[in-house]
C-alpha atoms as a PDB file:
ATOM      1  CA  UNK A   1     129.533 114.591 108.225  1.00  0.00           C
ATOM      2  CA  UNK A   2     133.204 113.903 107.418  1.00  0.00           C
ATOM      3  CA  UNK A   3     134.721 115.515 104.346  1.00  0.00           C
ATOM      4  CA  UNK A   4     134.842 113.350 101.279  1.00  0.00           C
ATOM      5  CA  UNK A   5     138.281 112.307 100.140  1.00  0.00           C
ATOM      6  CA  UNK A   6     139.612 113.285  96.740  1.00  0.00           C
ATOM      7  CA  UNK A   7     139.126 109.650  95.672  1.00  0.00           C
ATOM      8  CA  UNK A   8     135.478 109.729  96.848  1.00  0.00           C
ATOM      9  CA  UNK A   9     134.892 112.926  94.874  1.00  0.00           C
ATOM     10  CA  UNK A  10     136.516 111.418  91.774  1.00  0.00           C
ATOM     11  CA  UNK A  11     134.321 108.306  92.016  1.00  0.00           C
ATOM     12  CA  UNK A  12     131.197 110.408  92.491  1.00  0.00           C
ATOM     13  CA  UNK A  13     132.155 112.644  89.572  1.00  0.00           C
ATOM     14  CA  UNK A  14     132.682 109.621  87.314  1.00  0.00           C
ATOM     15  CA  UNK A  15     129.298 108.230  88.400  1.00  0.00           C
ATOM     16  CA  UNK A  16     127.271 111.383  87.756  1.00  0.00           C
ATOM     17  CA  UNK A  17     129.216 112.305  84.601  1.00  0.00           C
ATOM     18  CA  UNK A  18     128.570 108.875  83.063  1.00  0.00           C
ATOM     19  CA  UNK A  19     124.829 109.063  83.859  1.00  0.00           C
ATOM     20  CA  UNK A  20     124.638 112.583  82.471  1.00  0.00           C
ATOM     21  CA  UNK A  21     126.481 111.549  79.297  1.00  0.00           C
ATOM     22  CA  UNK A  22     123.900 108.845  78.576  1.00  0.00           C
ATOM     23  CA  UNK A  23     121.095 111.362  79.163  1.00  0.00           C
ATOM     24  CA  UNK A  24     122.597 113.862  76.718  1.00  0.00           C
ATOM     25  CA  UNK A  25     123.313 111.122  74.150  1.00  0.00           C
ATOM     26  CA  UNK A  26     119.655 110.098  74.356  1.00  0.00           C
ATOM     27  CA  UNK A  27     118.494 113.685  73.981  1.00  0.00           C
ATOM     28  CA  UNK A  28     120.698 114.157  70.913  1.00  0.00           C
ATOM     29  CA  UNK A  29     119.232 111.023  69.342  1.00  0.00           C
ATOM     30  CA  UNK A  30     115.587 111.567  70.270  1.00  0.00           C
ATOM     31  CA  UNK A  31     115.341 115.364  70.225  1.00  0.00           C
ATOM     32  CA  UNK A  32     117.465 116.727  67.397  1.00  0.00           C
ATOM     33  CA  UNK A  33     115.742 120.092  67.792  1.00  0.00           C
ATOM     34  CA  UNK A  34     117.682 120.462  71.069  1.00  0.00           C
ATOM     35  CA  UNK A  35     121.098 120.124  69.378  1.00  0.00           C
ATOM     36  CA  UNK A  36     121.922 123.833  69.691  1.00  0.00           C
ATOM     37  CA  UNK A  37     121.148 123.751  73.422  1.00  0.00           C
ATOM     38  CA  UNK A  38     122.972 120.454  73.972  1.00  0.00           C
ATOM     39  CA  UNK A  39     126.082 121.856  72.297  1.00  0.00           C
ATOM     40  CA  UNK A  40     126.285 124.409  75.134  1.00  0.00           C
ATOM     41  CA  UNK A  41     126.585 121.703  77.799  1.00  0.00           C
ATOM     42  CA  UNK A  42     130.208 121.233  78.864  1.00  0.00           C
ATOM     43  CA  UNK A  43     131.774 117.860  78.193  1.00  0.00           C
ATOM     44  CA  UNK A  44     133.313 115.780  80.969  1.00  0.00           C
ATOM     45  CA  UNK A  45     136.738 117.026  79.893  1.00  0.00           C
ATOM     46  CA  UNK A  46     135.544 120.646  79.983  1.00  0.00           C
ATOM     47  CA  UNK A  47     134.147 120.094  83.471  1.00  0.00           C
ATOM     48  CA  UNK A  48     137.530 118.737  84.589  1.00  0.00           C
ATOM     49  CA  UNK A  49     139.285 121.716  82.968  1.00  0.00           C
ATOM     50  CA  UNK A  50     137.030 124.085  84.907  1.00  0.00           C
ATOM     51  CA  UNK A  51     138.198 122.442  88.123  1.00  0.00           C
ATOM     52  CA  UNK A  52     141.855 122.429  87.045  1.00  0.00           C
ATOM     53  CA  UNK A  53     141.658 126.160  86.278  1.00  0.00           C
ATOM     54  CA  UNK A  54     140.190 126.831  89.739  1.00  0.00           C
ATOM     55  CA  UNK A  55     136.904 128.173  88.346  1.00  0.00           C
ATOM     56  CA  UNK A  56     134.902 125.593  90.334  1.00  0.00           C
ATOM     57  CA  UNK A  57     135.495 122.766  92.763  1.00  0.00           C
ATOM     58  CA  UNK A  58     134.838 119.153  91.872  1.00  0.00           C
ATOM     59  CA  UNK A  59     132.121 119.159  94.522  1.00  0.00           C
ATOM     60  CA  UNK A  60     130.393 122.082  92.772  1.00  0.00           C
ATOM     61  CA  UNK A  61     130.586 120.304  89.415  1.00  0.00           C
ATOM     62  CA  UNK A  62     129.144 117.148  90.982  1.00  0.00           C
ATOM     63  CA  UNK A  63     126.293 119.130  92.565  1.00  0.00           C
ATOM     64  CA  UNK A  64     125.422 120.890  89.326  1.00  0.00           C
ATOM     65  CA  UNK A  65     125.510 117.670  87.335  1.00  0.00           C
ATOM     66  CA  UNK A  66     123.344 115.913  89.927  1.00  0.00           C
ATOM     67  CA  UNK A  67     120.797 118.743  89.713  1.00  0.00           C
ATOM     68  CA  UNK A  68     120.669 118.305  85.922  1.00  0.00           C
ATOM     69  CA  UNK A  69     120.133 114.546  86.349  1.00  0.00           C
ATOM     70  CA  UNK A  70     117.378 115.176  88.910  1.00  0.00           C
ATOM     71  CA  UNK A  71     115.688 117.672  86.584  1.00  0.00           C
ATOM     72  CA  UNK A  72     115.763 115.162  83.727  1.00  0.00           C
ATOM     73  CA  UNK A  73     114.400 112.434  85.984  1.00  0.00           C
ATOM     74  CA  UNK A  74     111.521 114.644  87.144  1.00  0.00           C
ATOM     75  CA  UNK A  75     110.732 115.537  83.554  1.00  0.00           C
ATOM     76  CA  UNK A  76     110.597 111.875  82.595  1.00  0.00           C
ATOM     77  CA  UNK A  77     108.469 110.680  85.425  1.00  0.00           C
ATOM     78  CA  UNK A  78     106.054 113.558  86.026  1.00  0.00           C
ATOM     79  CA  UNK A  79     106.490 112.342  89.567  1.00  0.00           C
ATOM     80  CA  UNK A  80     104.055 113.224  92.311  1.00  0.00           C
ATOM     81  CA  UNK A  81     103.516 111.804  95.776  1.00  0.00           C
ATOM     82  CA  UNK A  82     100.621 109.601  94.711  1.00  0.00           C
ATOM     83  CA  UNK A  83     102.310 107.932  91.738  1.00  0.00           C
ATOM     84  CA  UNK A  84     105.110 105.415  92.005  1.00  0.00           C
ATOM     85  CA  UNK A  85     108.180 106.279  89.976  1.00  0.00           C
ATOM     86  CA  UNK A  86     108.163 103.423  87.448  1.00  0.00           C
ATOM     87  CA  UNK A  87     104.391 103.459  87.014  1.00  0.00           C
ATOM     88  CA  UNK A  88     104.663 107.178  86.230  1.00  0.00           C
ATOM     89  CA  UNK A  89     107.356 106.400  83.675  1.00  0.00           C
ATOM     90  CA  UNK A  90     105.201 103.741  82.057  1.00  0.00           C
ATOM     91  CA  UNK A  91     102.213 106.098  81.943  1.00  0.00           C
ATOM     92  CA  UNK A  92     104.341 108.863  80.455  1.00  0.00           C
ATOM     93  CA  UNK A  93     104.573 106.851  77.291  1.00  0.00           C
ATOM     94  CA  UNK A  94     107.156 105.826  74.776  1.00  0.00           C
ATOM     95  CA  UNK A  95     109.700 108.604  75.451  1.00  0.00           C
ATOM     96  CA  UNK A  96     110.288 107.461  79.014  1.00  0.00           C
ATOM     97  CA  UNK A  97     110.246 103.816  78.016  1.00  0.00           C
ATOM     98  CA  UNK A  98     112.662 104.482  75.156  1.00  0.00           C
ATOM     99  CA  UNK A  99     114.998 106.287  77.521  1.00  0.00           C
ATOM    100  CA  UNK A 100     114.936 103.440  80.058  1.00  0.00           C
ATOM    101  CA  UNK A 101     115.687 100.938  77.285  1.00  0.00           C
ATOM    102  CA  UNK A 102     118.402 103.216  75.853  1.00  0.00           C
ATOM    103  CA  UNK A 103     120.022 103.588  79.275  1.00  0.00           C
ATOM    104  CA  UNK A 104     119.945  99.848  79.946  1.00  0.00           C
ATOM    105  CA  UNK A 105     121.338  99.048  76.497  1.00  0.00           C
ATOM    106  CA  UNK A 106     124.112 101.613  76.896  1.00  0.00           C
ATOM    107  CA  UNK A 107     125.140 100.736  80.467  1.00  0.00           C
ATOM    108  CA  UNK A 108     123.782  97.268  81.220  1.00  0.00           C
ATOM    109  CA  UNK A 109     122.148  98.763  84.329  1.00  0.00           C
ATOM    110  CA  UNK A 110     118.804 100.267  85.282  1.00  0.00           C
ATOM    111  CA  UNK A 111     118.544 104.047  85.363  1.00  0.00           C
ATOM    112  CA  UNK A 112     116.662 104.327  88.661  1.00  0.00           C
ATOM    113  CA  UNK A 113     119.280 102.162  90.371  1.00  0.00           C
ATOM    114  CA  UNK A 114     122.092 104.371  89.065  1.00  0.00           C
ATOM    115  CA  UNK A 115     120.657 107.796  89.843  1.00  0.00           C
ATOM    116  CA  UNK A 116     121.570 107.450  93.488  1.00  0.00           C
ATOM    117  CA  UNK A 117     124.818 106.337  95.056  1.00  0.00           C
ATOM    118  CA  UNK A 118     123.503 102.948  96.162  1.00  0.00           C
ATOM    119  CA  UNK A 119     126.195 102.348  98.750  1.00  0.00           C
ATOM    120  CA  UNK A 120     125.636 105.743 100.394  1.00  0.00           C
ATOM    121  CA  UNK A 121     121.863 105.401 100.100  1.00  0.00           C
ATOM    122  CA  UNK A 122     121.947 101.989 101.788  1.00  0.00           C
ATOM    123  CA  UNK A 123     123.992 103.382 104.676  1.00  0.00           C
ATOM    124  CA  UNK A 124     121.521 106.253 105.084  1.00  0.00           C
ATOM    125  CA  UNK A 125     118.474 103.995 104.808  1.00  0.00           C
ATOM    126  CA  UNK A 126     119.862 101.473 107.288  1.00  0.00           C
ATOM    127  CA  UNK A 127     120.761 104.250 109.733  1.00  0.00           C
ATOM    128  CA  UNK A 128     117.395 105.988 109.295  1.00  0.00           C
ATOM    129  CA  UNK A 129     115.424 102.740 109.381  1.00  0.00           C
ATOM    130  CA  UNK A 130     112.979 103.818 106.663  1.00  0.00           C
ATOM    131  CA  UNK A 131     112.811 104.289 102.924  1.00  0.00           C
ATOM    132  CA  UNK A 132     112.240 107.977 102.209  1.00  0.00           C
ATOM    133  CA  UNK A 133     111.062 108.065  98.594  1.00  0.00           C
ATOM    134  CA  UNK A 134     110.339 106.132  95.421  1.00  0.00           C
ATOM    135  CA  UNK A 135     113.905 106.336  94.102  1.00  0.00           C
ATOM    136  CA  UNK A 136     115.212 104.727  97.296  1.00  0.00           C
ATOM    137  CA  UNK A 137     112.353 102.217  97.171  1.00  0.00           C
ATOM    138  CA  UNK A 138     113.249 100.966  93.699  1.00  0.00           C
ATOM    139  CA  UNK A 139     116.986 100.962  94.409  1.00  0.00           C
ATOM    140  CA  UNK A 140     116.471  98.925  97.595  1.00  0.00           C
ATOM    141  CA  UNK A 141     114.035  96.636  95.784  1.00  0.00           C
ATOM    142  CA  UNK A 142     116.689  95.890  93.168  1.00  0.00           C
ATOM    143  CA  UNK A 143     119.189  94.994  95.885  1.00  0.00           C
ATOM    144  CA  UNK A 144     116.782  92.896  97.957  1.00  0.00           C
ATOM    145  CA  UNK A 145     115.686  90.965  94.866  1.00  0.00           C
ATOM    146  CA  UNK A 146     119.210  90.479  93.488  1.00  0.00           C
ATOM    147  CA  UNK A 147     120.042  86.890  94.360  1.00  0.00           C
ATOM    148  CA  UNK A 148     123.654  87.333  93.244  1.00  0.00           C
ATOM    149  CA  UNK A 149     124.502  90.153  95.682  1.00  0.00           C
ATOM    150  CA  UNK A 150     126.754  89.142  98.553  1.00  0.00           C
ATOM    151  CA  UNK A 151     127.524  92.482 100.205  1.00  0.00           C
ATOM    152  CA  UNK A 152     124.634  92.373 102.687  1.00  0.00           C
ATOM    153  CA  UNK A 153     124.051  89.842 105.401  1.00  0.00           C
ATOM    154  CA  UNK A 154     120.837  87.855 105.590  1.00  0.00           C
ATOM    155  CA  UNK A 155     119.750  89.940 108.597  1.00  0.00           C
ATOM    156  CA  UNK A 156     120.330  93.184 106.649  1.00  0.00           C
ATOM    157  CA  UNK A 157     118.355  91.834 103.683  1.00  0.00           C
ATOM    158  CA  UNK A 158     115.478  90.864 105.978  1.00  0.00           C
ATOM    159  CA  UNK A 159     115.551  94.318 107.579  1.00  0.00           C
ATOM    160  CA  UNK A 160     115.562  96.033 104.165  1.00  0.00           C
ATOM    161  CA  UNK A 161     112.748  93.748 103.012  1.00  0.00           C
ATOM    162  CA  UNK A 162     110.726  94.891 106.006  1.00  0.00           C
ATOM    163  CA  UNK A 163     111.382  98.520 105.080  1.00  0.00           C
ATOM    164  CA  UNK A 164     110.232  97.833 101.516  1.00  0.00           C
ATOM    165  CA  UNK A 165     107.014  96.233 102.829  1.00  0.00           C
ATOM    166  CA  UNK A 166     106.425  99.187 105.175  1.00  0.00           C
ATOM    167  CA  UNK A 167     106.990 101.697 102.376  1.00  0.00           C
ATOM    168  CA  UNK A 168     104.524  99.809 100.159  1.00  0.00           C
ATOM    169  CA  UNK A 169     101.990  99.710 103.004  1.00  0.00           C
ATOM    170  CA  UNK A 170     102.290 103.466 103.566  1.00  0.00           C
ATOM    171  CA  UNK A 171     102.045 104.222  99.828  1.00  0.00           C
ATOM    172  CA  UNK A 172      98.906 102.099  99.576  1.00  0.00           C
ATOM    173  CA  UNK A 173      97.231 103.934 102.459  1.00  0.00           C
END
């Protein structure tokens, strides 16, 4: 795999840092008992300073932040192989639903569509020819159902639609 450019790393850092910021803002609002713990989490500026001082690379900061996002997502969804991601969120109750609403209100986007780099995920999915998990499933579903998107050809949309149908068939088995 080719090395990511500095610009690619910056874009990825901005993406994961913005998602993580919304998560921590939600936690501060909904779980005030966690304030002492949340105060220990470095800010975006502190993360950048760590890189500038040579204490970590931007790639390491991105990886650590992505792990924190993944941990939060797993905690929200109580995900297991037999339960679809959004259904698990709905069954989890008001905390998960409040977070999804909070995220959408804050960003104008859906959390599950943001947690992965959609462009990279689409390239991987198209190359692989299958949808690997529920997060990819919902991200692809958003794209396939978005009538305003113009980045994919009709043939690519049909192919992705077939992958969605196959994933649903396999999950129902």
